[in-house]
PDB file of N, CA and C in Angstrom:
ATOM      1  N   MET A   1       0.791  -1.193   0.000  1.00  0.00           N
ATOM      2  CA  MET A   1       0.000   0.000   0.000  1.00  0.00           C
ATOM      3  C   MET A   1       0.833   1.255   0.000  1.00  0.00           C
ATOM      4  N   SER A   2       2.128   1.150   0.171  1.00  0.00           N
ATOM      5  CA  SER A   2       2.956   2.338   0.230  1.00  0.00           C
ATOM      6  C   SER A   2       3.423   2.797  -1.146  1.00  0.00           C
ATOM      7  N   GLU A   3       3.026   2.113  -2.208  1.00  0.00           N
ATOM      8  CA  GLU A   3       3.442   2.520  -3.548  1.00  0.00           C
ATOM      9  C   GLU A   3       2.516   3.601  -4.068  1.00  0.00           C
ATOM     10  N   ARG A   4       3.110   4.576  -4.738  1.00  0.00           N
ATOM     11  CA  ARG A   4       2.321   5.617  -5.386  1.00  0.00           C
ATOM     12  C   ARG A   4       2.290   5.341  -6.864  1.00  0.00           C
ATOM     13  N   GLN A   5       1.145   5.444  -7.442  1.00  0.00           N
ATOM     14  CA  GLN A   5       1.025   5.262  -8.869  1.00  0.00           C
ATOM     15  C   GLN A   5       0.808   6.619  -9.503  1.00  0.00           C
ATOM     16  N   GLY A   6       1.719   7.008 -10.371  1.00  0.00           N
ATOM     17  CA  GLY A   6       1.626   8.295 -11.019  1.00  0.00           C
ATOM     18  C   GLY A   6       1.301   8.137 -12.483  1.00  0.00           C
ATOM     19  N   SER A   7       0.998   9.249 -13.108  1.00  0.00           N
ATOM     20  CA  SER A   7       0.746   9.222 -14.535  1.00  0.00           C
ATOM     21  C   SER A   7       1.345  10.472 -15.148  1.00  0.00           C
ATOM     22  N   GLY A   8       1.677  10.369 -16.409  1.00  0.00           N
ATOM     23  CA  GLY A   8       2.219  11.522 -17.112  1.00  0.00           C
ATOM     24  C   GLY A   8       3.606  11.885 -16.638  1.00  0.00           C
ATOM     25  N   ALA A   9       3.890  13.175 -16.606  1.00  0.00           N
ATOM     26  CA  ALA A   9       5.217  13.649 -16.242  1.00  0.00           C
ATOM     27  C   ALA A   9       5.551  13.353 -14.790  1.00  0.00           C
ATOM     28  N   THR A  10       4.554  13.317 -13.930  1.00  0.00           N
ATOM     29  CA  THR A  10       4.829  13.052 -12.527  1.00  0.00           C
ATOM     30  C   THR A  10       5.180  11.599 -12.292  1.00  0.00           C
ATOM     31  N   GLY A  11       4.793  10.724 -13.184  1.00  0.00           N
ATOM     32  CA  GLY A  11       5.094   9.310 -13.038  1.00  0.00           C
ATOM     33  C   GLY A  11       6.372   8.909 -13.736  1.00  0.00           C
ATOM     34  N   GLY A  12       7.073   9.862 -14.334  1.00  0.00           N
ATOM     35  CA  GLY A  12       8.316   9.562 -15.002  1.00  0.00           C
ATOM     36  C   GLY A  12       8.139   9.169 -16.456  1.00  0.00           C
ATOM     37  N   ASN A  13       6.966   9.348 -17.016  1.00  0.00           N
ATOM     38  CA  ASN A  13       6.717   8.996 -18.415  1.00  0.00           C
ATOM     39  C   ASN A  13       6.686  10.252 -19.264  1.00  0.00           C
ATOM     40  N   SER A  14       7.751  11.037 -19.218  1.00  0.00           N
ATOM     41  CA  SER A  14       7.754  12.314 -19.922  1.00  0.00           C
ATOM     42  C   SER A  14       8.643  12.276 -21.155  1.00  0.00           C
ATOM     43  N   LYS A  15       8.644  11.170 -21.873  1.00  0.00           N
ATOM     44  CA  LYS A  15       9.442  11.090 -23.094  1.00  0.00           C
ATOM     45  C   LYS A  15       8.787  11.939 -24.177  1.00  0.00           C
ATOM     46  N   THR A  16       9.594  12.722 -24.868  1.00  0.00           N
ATOM     47  CA  THR A  16       9.030  13.611 -25.870  1.00  0.00           C
ATOM     48  C   THR A  16       9.387  13.197 -27.289  1.00  0.00           C
ATOM     49  N   SER A  17      10.146  12.117 -27.450  1.00  0.00           N
ATOM     50  CA  SER A  17      10.485  11.695 -28.796  1.00  0.00           C
ATOM     51  C   SER A  17       9.254  11.102 -29.466  1.00  0.00           C
ATOM     52  N   GLY A  18       9.194  11.164 -30.781  1.00  0.00           N
ATOM     53  CA  GLY A  18       8.037  10.708 -31.521  1.00  0.00           C
ATOM     54  C   GLY A  18       7.957   9.204 -31.688  1.00  0.00           C
ATOM     55  N   ARG A  19       8.966   8.473 -31.256  1.00  0.00           N
ATOM     56  CA  ARG A  19       8.950   7.034 -31.477  1.00  0.00           C
ATOM     57  C   ARG A  19       8.237   6.304 -30.337  1.00  0.00           C
ATOM     58  N   PRO A  20       7.579   5.208 -30.670  1.00  0.00           N
ATOM     59  CA  PRO A  20       6.924   4.426 -29.619  1.00  0.00           C
ATOM     60  C   PRO A  20       7.950   3.732 -28.747  1.00  0.00           C
ATOM     61  N   ASP A  21       7.660   3.619 -27.475  1.00  0.00           N
ATOM     62  CA  ASP A  21       8.562   3.013 -26.516  1.00  0.00           C
ATOM     63  C   ASP A  21       8.217   1.526 -26.374  1.00  0.00           C
ATOM     64  N   ALA A  22       9.119   0.654 -26.781  1.00  0.00           N
ATOM     65  CA  ALA A  22       8.870  -0.780 -26.753  1.00  0.00           C
ATOM     66  C   ALA A  22       8.813  -1.317 -25.332  1.00  0.00           C
ATOM     67  N   SER A  23       9.520  -0.697 -24.402  1.00  0.00           N
ATOM     68  CA  SER A  23       9.528  -1.187 -23.025  1.00  0.00           C
ATOM     69  C   SER A  23       8.339  -0.668 -22.219  1.00  0.00           C
ATOM     70  N   LYS A  24       7.499   0.151 -22.813  1.00  0.00           N
ATOM     71  CA  LYS A  24       6.377   0.742 -22.105  1.00  0.00           C
ATOM     72  C   LYS A  24       5.382  -0.328 -21.633  1.00  0.00           C
ATOM     73  N   LYS A  25       5.170  -1.344 -22.457  1.00  0.00           N
ATOM     74  CA  LYS A  25       4.218  -2.384 -22.099  1.00  0.00           C
ATOM     75  C   LYS A  25       4.675  -3.170 -20.882  1.00  0.00           C
ATOM     76  N   SER A  26       5.964  -3.380 -20.737  1.00  0.00           N
ATOM     77  CA  SER A  26       6.457  -4.136 -19.589  1.00  0.00           C
ATOM     78  C   SER A  26       6.427  -3.319 -18.308  1.00  0.00           C
ATOM     79  N   GLN A  27       6.312  -1.993 -18.403  1.00  0.00           N
ATOM     80  CA  GLN A  27       6.308  -1.142 -17.222  1.00  0.00           C
ATOM     81  C   GLN A  27       4.908  -0.849 -16.710  1.00  0.00           C
ATOM     82  N   GLU A  28       3.867  -1.229 -17.435  1.00  0.00           N
ATOM     83  CA  GLU A  28       2.511  -0.938 -17.013  1.00  0.00           C
ATOM     84  C   GLU A  28       2.167  -1.718 -15.754  1.00  0.00           C
ATOM     85  N   VAL A  29       1.511  -1.045 -14.840  1.00  0.00           N
ATOM     86  CA  VAL A  29       1.120  -1.678 -13.589  1.00  0.00           C
ATOM     87  C   VAL A  29      -0.357  -2.040 -13.694  1.00  0.00           C
ATOM     88  N   PRO A  30      -0.697  -3.300 -13.478  1.00  0.00           N
ATOM     89  CA  PRO A  30      -2.109  -3.672 -13.566  1.00  0.00           C
ATOM     90  C   PRO A  30      -2.911  -3.049 -12.423  1.00  0.00           C
ATOM     91  N   ALA A  31      -4.144  -2.739 -12.710  1.00  0.00           N
ATOM     92  CA  ALA A  31      -5.003  -2.165 -11.677  1.00  0.00           C
ATOM     93  C   ALA A  31      -5.286  -3.220 -10.619  1.00  0.00           C
ATOM     94  N   GLU A  32      -5.194  -2.817  -9.366  1.00  0.00           N
ATOM     95  CA  GLU A  32      -5.434  -3.733  -8.263  1.00  0.00           C
ATOM     96  C   GLU A  32      -6.572  -3.210  -7.412  1.00  0.00           C
ATOM     97  N   ASP A  33      -7.362  -4.127  -6.896  1.00  0.00           N
ATOM     98  CA  ASP A  33      -8.415  -3.753  -5.969  1.00  0.00           C
ATOM     99  C   ASP A  33      -7.883  -3.902  -4.556  1.00  0.00           C
ATOM    100  N   PHE A  34      -8.085  -2.887  -3.751  1.00  0.00           N
ATOM    101  CA  PHE A  34      -7.649  -2.927  -2.370  1.00  0.00           C
ATOM    102  C   PHE A  34      -8.872  -3.097  -1.482  1.00  0.00           C
ATOM    103  N   ASP A  35      -8.794  -4.044  -0.597  1.00  0.00           N
ATOM    104  CA  ASP A  35      -9.886  -4.280   0.332  1.00  0.00           C
ATOM    105  C   ASP A  35      -9.539  -3.616   1.652  1.00  0.00           C
ATOM    106  N   ILE A  36     -10.036  -2.403   1.835  1.00  0.00           N
ATOM    107  CA  ILE A  36      -9.741  -1.640   3.036  1.00  0.00           C
ATOM    108  C   ILE A  36     -11.005  -1.562   3.884  1.00  0.00           C
ATOM    109  N   ASP A  37     -10.885  -1.966   5.136  1.00  0.00           N
ATOM    110  CA  ASP A  37     -12.008  -1.898   6.058  1.00  0.00           C
ATOM    111  C   ASP A  37     -12.147  -0.460   6.540  1.00  0.00           C
ATOM    112  N   MET A  38     -13.149   0.226   6.025  1.00  0.00           N
ATOM    113  CA  MET A  38     -13.326   1.633   6.355  1.00  0.00           C
ATOM    114  C   MET A  38     -13.847   1.846   7.777  1.00  0.00           C
ATOM    115  N   ASP A  39     -14.293   0.792   8.426  1.00  0.00           N
ATOM    116  CA  ASP A  39     -14.802   0.911   9.784  1.00  0.00           C
ATOM    117  C   ASP A  39     -13.750   0.568  10.836  1.00  0.00           C
ATOM    118  N   ALA A  40     -12.580   0.138  10.405  1.00  0.00           N
ATOM    119  CA  ALA A  40     -11.530  -0.249  11.348  1.00  0.00           C
ATOM    120  C   ALA A  40     -10.970   0.992  12.046  1.00  0.00           C
ATOM    121  N   PRO A  41     -10.683   0.896  13.337  1.00  0.00           N
ATOM    122  CA  PRO A  41     -10.135   2.056  14.052  1.00  0.00           C
ATOM    123  C   PRO A  41      -8.770   2.490  13.519  1.00  0.00           C
ATOM    124  N   GLU A  42      -7.969   1.543  13.035  1.00  0.00           N
ATOM    125  CA  GLU A  42      -6.654   1.896  12.472  1.00  0.00           C
ATOM    126  C   GLU A  42      -6.807   2.747  11.224  1.00  0.00           C
ATOM    127  N   THR A  43      -7.825   2.443  10.410  1.00  0.00           N
ATOM    128  CA  THR A  43      -8.077   3.215   9.195  1.00  0.00           C
ATOM    129  C   THR A  43      -8.467   4.642   9.546  1.00  0.00           C
ATOM    130  N   GLU A  44      -9.309   4.778  10.560  1.00  0.00           N
ATOM    131  CA  GLU A  44      -9.731   6.105  10.980  1.00  0.00           C
ATOM    132  C   GLU A  44      -8.553   6.913  11.522  1.00  0.00           C
ATOM    133  N   LYS A  45      -7.692   6.272  12.306  1.00  0.00           N
ATOM    134  CA  LYS A  45      -6.513   6.964  12.844  1.00  0.00           C
ATOM    135  C   LYS A  45      -5.587   7.407  11.713  1.00  0.00           C
ATOM    136  N   ALA A  46      -5.412   6.545  10.731  1.00  0.00           N
ATOM    137  CA  ALA A  46      -4.554   6.888   9.597  1.00  0.00           C
ATOM    138  C   ALA A  46      -5.135   8.054   8.812  1.00  0.00           C
ATOM    139  N   ALA A  47      -6.443   8.044   8.601  1.00  0.00           N
ATOM    140  CA  ALA A  47      -7.088   9.129   7.857  1.00  0.00           C
ATOM    141  C   ALA A  47      -6.935  10.455   8.584  1.00  0.00           C
ATOM    142  N   VAL A  48      -7.109  10.438   9.892  1.00  0.00           N
ATOM    143  CA  VAL A  48      -6.962  11.670  10.691  1.00  0.00           C
ATOM    144  C   VAL A  48      -5.526  12.187  10.612  1.00  0.00           C
ATOM    145  N   ALA A  49      -4.561  11.275  10.687  1.00  0.00           N
ATOM    146  CA  ALA A  49      -3.154  11.679  10.610  1.00  0.00           C
ATOM    147  C   ALA A  49      -2.824  12.283   9.252  1.00  0.00           C
ATOM    148  N   ILE A  50      -3.319  11.671   8.182  1.00  0.00           N
ATOM    149  CA  ILE A  50      -3.064  12.188   6.829  1.00  0.00           C
ATOM    150  C   ILE A  50      -3.707  13.555   6.663  1.00  0.00           C
ATOM    151  N   GLN A  51      -4.944  13.700   7.108  1.00  0.00           N
ATOM    152  CA  GLN A  51      -5.629  14.986   6.987  1.00  0.00           C
ATOM    153  C   GLN A  51      -4.922  16.080   7.781  1.00  0.00           C
ATOM    154  N   SER A  52      -4.431  15.728   8.949  1.00  0.00           N
ATOM    155  CA  SER A  52      -3.726  16.697   9.780  1.00  0.00           C
ATOM    156  C   SER A  52      -2.460  17.196   9.094  1.00  0.00           C
ATOM    157  N   GLN A  53      -1.687  16.267   8.550  1.00  0.00           N
ATOM    158  CA  GLN A  53      -0.461  16.650   7.858  1.00  0.00           C
ATOM    159  C   GLN A  53      -0.766  17.488   6.613  1.00  0.00           C
ATOM    160  N   PHE A  54      -1.846  17.135   5.906  1.00  0.00           N
ATOM    161  CA  PHE A  54      -2.202  17.897   4.713  1.00  0.00           C
ATOM    162  C   PHE A  54      -2.613  19.318   5.082  1.00  0.00           C
ATOM    163  N   ARG A  55      -3.353  19.469   6.169  1.00  0.00           N
ATOM    164  CA  ARG A  55      -3.748  20.815   6.609  1.00  0.00           C
ATOM    165  C   ARG A  55      -2.534  21.649   6.982  1.00  0.00           C
ATOM    166  N   LYS A  56      -1.568  21.023   7.657  1.00  0.00           N
ATOM    167  CA  LYS A  56      -0.330  21.732   8.001  1.00  0.00           C
ATOM    168  C   LYS A  56       0.403  22.166   6.734  1.00  0.00           C
ATOM    169  N   PHE A  57       0.447  21.276   5.745  1.00  0.00           N
ATOM    170  CA  PHE A  57       1.098  21.582   4.471  1.00  0.00           C
ATOM    171  C   PHE A  57       0.403  22.758   3.785  1.00  0.00           C
ATOM    172  N   GLN A  58      -0.936  22.729   3.759  1.00  0.00           N
ATOM    173  CA  GLN A  58      -1.678  23.808   3.113  1.00  0.00           C
ATOM    174  C   GLN A  58      -1.442  25.141   3.817  1.00  0.00           C
ATOM    175  N   THR A  59      -1.403  25.120   5.147  1.00  0.00           N
ATOM    176  CA  THR A  59      -1.161  26.346   5.910  1.00  0.00           C
ATOM    177  C   THR A  59       0.229  26.890   5.619  1.00  0.00           C
ATOM    178  N   LYS A  60       1.221  26.006   5.606  1.00  0.00           N
ATOM    179  CA  LYS A  60       2.592  26.431   5.322  1.00  0.00           C
ATOM    180  C   LYS A  60       2.711  26.966   3.901  1.00  0.00           C
ATOM    181  N   LYS A  61       2.068  26.300   2.963  1.00  0.00           N
ATOM    182  CA  LYS A  61       2.099  26.733   1.566  1.00  0.00           C
ATOM    183  C   LYS A  61       1.458  28.125   1.427  1.00  0.00           C
ATOM    184  N   LYS A  62       0.377  28.329   2.138  1.00  0.00           N
ATOM    185  CA  LYS A  62      -0.325  29.612   2.071  1.00  0.00           C
ATOM    186  C   LYS A  62       0.542  30.735   2.661  1.00  0.00           C
ATOM    187  N   THR A  63       1.197  30.479   3.789  1.00  0.00           N
ATOM    188  CA  THR A  63       2.018  31.516   4.420  1.00  0.00           C
ATOM    189  C   THR A  63       3.307  31.766   3.654  1.00  0.00           C
ATOM    190  N   ASP A  64       3.861  30.719   3.015  1.00  0.00           N
ATOM    191  CA  ASP A  64       5.080  30.896   2.227  1.00  0.00           C
ATOM    192  C   ASP A  64       4.828  31.733   0.971  1.00  0.00           C
ATOM    193  N   SER A  65       3.664  31.585   0.366  1.00  0.00           N
ATOM    194  CA  SER A  65       3.384  32.329  -0.855  1.00  0.00           C
ATOM    195  C   SER A  65       3.130  33.809  -0.570  1.00  0.00           C
ATOM    196  N   LYS A  66       2.706  34.145   0.650  1.00  0.00           N
ATOM    197  CA  LYS A  66       2.473  35.541   1.007  1.00  0.00           C
ATOM    198  C   LYS A  66       3.770  36.264   1.330  1.00  0.00           C
ATOM    199  N   SER A  67       4.788  35.547   1.737  1.00  0.00           N
ATOM    200  CA  SER A  67       6.060  36.161   2.151  1.00  0.00           C
ATOM    201  C   SER A  67       6.855  36.671   0.985  1.00  0.00           C
TER     202      SER A  67
END
């Protein structure tokens, strides 16, 4: 669950040459279904922690842009 799946330039697929990439097919990640228990207390704690860090990030980003 710690892997991030990106797309486009953020995922490292920013080749600009006009030729098709033969190794592209071997790098594709198949879609996976994750079975996450949304009622589990650990899930709720993780969600609260992520939201808290994101709010701190947004506040810092907002104050840095004003400076």
